[in-house]
Amino acid sequence: QVQLVESGGGLVQAGGSLRLSCAASGRTVASYAMGWFRQAPGKEREFVATISRSGISTVYADVVKGRFTISRDNAKTVVYLQMNSLKPEDTAVYYCAAHRAGSYYIPGDYAYWGQGTQVTVSS
């Protein structure tokens, strides 16, 4: 079992930055690739970014590429999402998740989820 707790969300103006954190506990988190997803009101949960177990490989959704950076500290069992140049369309609840198997883009292929943290970007 893995427990995930996100933090760092809030209200920010367009063009601003936030850094989300996902603190993990339980089974060896370093054995999981990790991902960030987001869900806006009335929309499906969408893939944002993923990072490999080692932290060497990362993949981003096109809409955040060049603005967001995913990283991890396996010693501290924390996964981060640095978000720069934020836009109003980035407003959503952001979730971190531990990947089980299969596609990195599909929420159903993740085994464990945090409760989410709200990010609101004002124009």
C-alpha atoms as a PDB file:
ATOM      1  CA  GLN A   1       0.000   0.000   0.000  1.00  0.00           C
ATOM      2  CA  VAL A   2       1.187   3.503  -0.845  1.00  0.00           C
ATOM      3  CA  GLN A   3      -0.178   6.710   0.651  1.00  0.00           C
ATOM      4  CA  LEU A   4       0.171   9.924  -1.321  1.00  0.00           C
ATOM      5  CA  VAL A   5      -0.459  13.434  -0.049  1.00  0.00           C
ATOM      6  CA  GLU A   6      -0.305  16.458  -2.337  1.00  0.00           C
ATOM      7  CA  SER A   7       0.369  20.003  -1.222  1.00  0.00           C
ATOM      8  CA  GLY A   8       1.374  23.356  -2.648  1.00  0.00           C
ATOM      9  CA  GLY A   9      -1.756  24.319  -4.530  1.00  0.00           C
ATOM     10  CA  GLY A  10      -3.322  27.742  -4.287  1.00  0.00           C
ATOM     11  CA  LEU A  11      -4.409  30.855  -6.108  1.00  0.00           C
ATOM     12  CA  VAL A  12      -1.944  32.527  -8.464  1.00  0.00           C
ATOM     13  CA  GLN A  13      -2.139  35.129 -11.201  1.00  0.00           C
ATOM     14  CA  ALA A  14      -1.568  34.216 -14.805  1.00  0.00           C
ATOM     15  CA  GLY A  15       2.142  34.081 -15.546  1.00  0.00           C
ATOM     16  CA  GLY A  16       2.968  33.054 -12.004  1.00  0.00           C
ATOM     17  CA  SER A  17       4.468  29.883 -10.608  1.00  0.00           C
ATOM     18  CA  LEU A  18       3.635  27.172  -8.106  1.00  0.00           C
ATOM     19  CA  ARG A  19       5.434  24.070  -6.949  1.00  0.00           C
ATOM     20  CA  LEU A  20       3.342  21.076  -6.021  1.00  0.00           C
ATOM     21  CA  SER A  21       4.677  18.356  -3.761  1.00  0.00           C
ATOM     22  CA  CYS A  22       3.542  14.777  -3.353  1.00  0.00           C
ATOM     23  CA  ALA A  23       4.728  13.087  -0.180  1.00  0.00           C
ATOM     24  CA  ALA A  24       4.688   9.319  -0.383  1.00  0.00           C
ATOM     25  CA  SER A  25       4.751   6.701   2.335  1.00  0.00           C
ATOM     26  CA  GLY A  26       4.147   3.004   2.614  1.00  0.00           C
ATOM     27  CA  ARG A  27       5.712   0.508   0.271  1.00  0.00           C
ATOM     28  CA  THR A  28       8.963   1.404  -1.452  1.00  0.00           C
ATOM     29  CA  VAL A  29       7.884   4.389  -3.508  1.00  0.00           C
ATOM     30  CA  ALA A  30      11.117   4.377  -5.435  1.00  0.00           C
ATOM     31  CA  SER A  31       9.907   1.218  -7.162  1.00  0.00           C
ATOM     32  CA  TYR A  32       7.085   3.132  -8.879  1.00  0.00           C
ATOM     33  CA  ALA A  33       7.063   5.490 -11.778  1.00  0.00           C
ATOM     34  CA  MET A  34       5.026   8.493 -10.691  1.00  0.00           C
ATOM     35  CA  GLY A  35       2.633  10.769 -12.498  1.00  0.00           C
ATOM     36  CA  TRP A  36       0.695  13.981 -12.149  1.00  0.00           C
ATOM     37  CA  PHE A  37      -2.824  14.353 -13.479  1.00  0.00           C
ATOM     38  CA  ARG A  38      -5.351  17.151 -13.281  1.00  0.00           C
ATOM     39  CA  GLN A  39      -9.090  17.468 -13.445  1.00  0.00           C
ATOM     40  CA  ALA A  40     -11.025  20.633 -14.155  1.00  0.00           C
ATOM     41  CA  PRO A  41     -14.735  20.956 -13.317  1.00  0.00           C
ATOM     42  CA  GLY A  42     -16.872  19.082 -15.815  1.00  0.00           C
ATOM     43  CA  LYS A  43     -13.862  17.532 -17.532  1.00  0.00           C
ATOM     44  CA  GLU A  44     -12.153  14.183 -17.440  1.00  0.00           C
ATOM     45  CA  ARG A  45      -8.958  13.624 -15.517  1.00  0.00           C
ATOM     46  CA  GLU A  46      -6.062  14.306 -17.858  1.00  0.00           C
ATOM     47  CA  PHE A  47      -2.404  13.363 -17.907  1.00  0.00           C
ATOM     48  CA  VAL A  48       0.094  16.094 -17.066  1.00  0.00           C
ATOM     49  CA  ALA A  49       3.505  14.475 -16.582  1.00  0.00           C
ATOM     50  CA  THR A  50       5.251  11.297 -15.534  1.00  0.00           C
ATOM     51  CA  ILE A  51       8.699  10.429 -14.222  1.00  0.00           C
ATOM     52  CA  SER A  52      10.504   7.109 -14.218  1.00  0.00           C
ATOM     53  CA  ARG A  53      11.537   5.256 -11.092  1.00  0.00           C
ATOM     54  CA  SER A  54      15.089   6.531 -11.386  1.00  0.00           C
ATOM     55  CA  GLY A  55      14.006  10.048 -12.239  1.00  0.00           C
ATOM     56  CA  ILE A  56      15.998  10.018 -15.453  1.00  0.00           C
ATOM     57  CA  SER A  57      13.082   9.828 -17.876  1.00  0.00           C
ATOM     58  CA  THR A  58      10.166  12.243 -18.012  1.00  0.00           C
ATOM     59  CA  VAL A  59       7.179  12.709 -20.313  1.00  0.00           C
ATOM     60  CA  TYR A  60       4.873  15.711 -20.500  1.00  0.00           C
ATOM     61  CA  ALA A  61       1.520  16.515 -22.008  1.00  0.00           C
ATOM     62  CA  ASP A  62       1.922  18.886 -24.935  1.00  0.00           C
ATOM     63  CA  VAL A  63      -0.116  21.577 -23.201  1.00  0.00           C
ATOM     64  CA  VAL A  64       2.379  21.859 -20.340  1.00  0.00           C
ATOM     65  CA  LYS A  65       5.632  21.036 -22.101  1.00  0.00           C
ATOM     66  CA  GLY A  66       8.218  23.739 -21.562  1.00  0.00           C
ATOM     67  CA  ARG A  67       6.301  25.216 -18.625  1.00  0.00           C
ATOM     68  CA  PHE A  68       6.060  22.354 -16.107  1.00  0.00           C
ATOM     69  CA  THR A  69       8.849  20.203 -14.694  1.00  0.00           C
ATOM     70  CA  ILE A  70       8.390  16.937 -12.833  1.00  0.00           C
ATOM     71  CA  SER A  71      11.100  15.696 -10.496  1.00  0.00           C
ATOM     72  CA  ARG A  72      11.524  13.319  -7.603  1.00  0.00           C
ATOM     73  CA  ASP A  73      13.653  12.843  -4.545  1.00  0.00           C
ATOM     74  CA  ASN A  74      13.667   9.136  -3.781  1.00  0.00           C
ATOM     75  CA  ALA A  75      15.553   9.634  -0.545  1.00  0.00           C
ATOM     76  CA  LYS A  76      12.772  11.880   0.725  1.00  0.00           C
ATOM     77  CA  THR A  77      10.071   9.982  -1.197  1.00  0.00           C
ATOM     78  CA  VAL A  78       8.694  13.199  -2.624  1.00  0.00           C
ATOM     79  CA  VAL A  79       7.600  13.973  -6.160  1.00  0.00           C
ATOM     80  CA  TYR A  80       7.424  17.566  -7.340  1.00  0.00           C
ATOM     81  CA  LEU A  81       5.686  19.450 -10.109  1.00  0.00           C
ATOM     82  CA  GLN A  82       7.166  22.870 -10.792  1.00  0.00           C
ATOM     83  CA  MET A  83       4.639  24.925 -12.732  1.00  0.00           C
ATOM     84  CA  ASN A  84       5.761  28.136 -14.434  1.00  0.00           C
ATOM     85  CA  SER A  85       4.019  30.574 -16.774  1.00  0.00           C
ATOM     86  CA  LEU A  86       0.675  29.439 -15.469  1.00  0.00           C
ATOM     87  CA  LYS A  87      -2.446  30.079 -17.516  1.00  0.00           C
ATOM     88  CA  PRO A  88      -6.110  30.245 -16.487  1.00  0.00           C
ATOM     89  CA  GLU A  89      -6.679  26.989 -18.366  1.00  0.00           C
ATOM     90  CA  ASP A  90      -4.295  25.276 -15.944  1.00  0.00           C
ATOM     91  CA  THR A  91      -6.928  25.693 -13.239  1.00  0.00           C
ATOM     92  CA  ALA A  92      -7.803  22.241 -11.897  1.00  0.00           C
ATOM     93  CA  VAL A  93      -7.382  19.827  -9.037  1.00  0.00           C
ATOM     94  CA  TYR A  94      -3.958  18.239  -9.393  1.00  0.00           C
ATOM     95  CA  TYR A  95      -3.362  14.638  -8.368  1.00  0.00           C
ATOM     96  CA  CYS A  96      -0.219  12.584  -8.037  1.00  0.00           C
ATOM     97  CA  ALA A  97      -0.330   8.862  -8.617  1.00  0.00           C
ATOM     98  CA  ALA A  98       1.877   5.780  -8.530  1.00  0.00           C
ATOM     99  CA  HIS A  99       2.017   3.868 -11.784  1.00  0.00           C
ATOM    100  CA  ARG A 100       1.066   0.203 -11.772  1.00  0.00           C
ATOM    101  CA  ALA A 101       1.572  -1.021 -15.359  1.00  0.00           C
ATOM    102  CA  GLY A 102       0.587  -0.208 -18.894  1.00  0.00           C
ATOM    103  CA  SER A 103       0.189   3.269 -20.325  1.00  0.00           C
ATOM    104  CA  TYR A 104       1.468   6.307 -18.467  1.00  0.00           C
ATOM    105  CA  TYR A 105      -1.337   8.380 -19.977  1.00  0.00           C
ATOM    106  CA  ILE A 106      -4.303   6.408 -18.640  1.00  0.00           C
ATOM    107  CA  PRO A 107      -5.501   7.056 -15.078  1.00  0.00           C
ATOM    108  CA  GLY A 108      -6.701   3.462 -14.751  1.00  0.00           C
ATOM    109  CA  ASP A 109      -3.122   2.226 -15.080  1.00  0.00           C
ATOM    110  CA  TYR A 110      -2.133   3.947 -11.837  1.00  0.00           C
ATOM    111  CA  ALA A 111      -2.491   2.010  -8.609  1.00  0.00           C
ATOM    112  CA  TYR A 112      -2.474   4.693  -5.932  1.00  0.00           C
ATOM    113  CA  TRP A 113      -3.760   8.271  -5.830  1.00  0.00           C
ATOM    114  CA  GLY A 114      -3.547  11.239  -3.552  1.00  0.00           C
ATOM    115  CA  GLN A 115      -6.535  13.346  -2.565  1.00  0.00           C
ATOM    116  CA  GLY A 116      -5.600  16.224  -4.860  1.00  0.00           C
ATOM    117  CA  THR A 117      -4.671  19.867  -4.429  1.00  0.00           C
ATOM    118  CA  GLN A 118      -6.519  22.781  -5.998  1.00  0.00           C
ATOM    119  CA  VAL A 119      -4.689  25.115  -8.354  1.00  0.00           C
ATOM    120  CA  THR A 120      -6.515  28.249  -9.464  1.00  0.00           C
ATOM    121  CA  VAL A 121      -4.998  30.653 -11.972  1.00  0.00           C
ATOM    122  CA  SER A 122      -6.662  34.039 -12.308  1.00  0.00           C
ATOM    123  CA  SER A 123      -6.506  36.114 -15.460  1.00  0.00           C
END
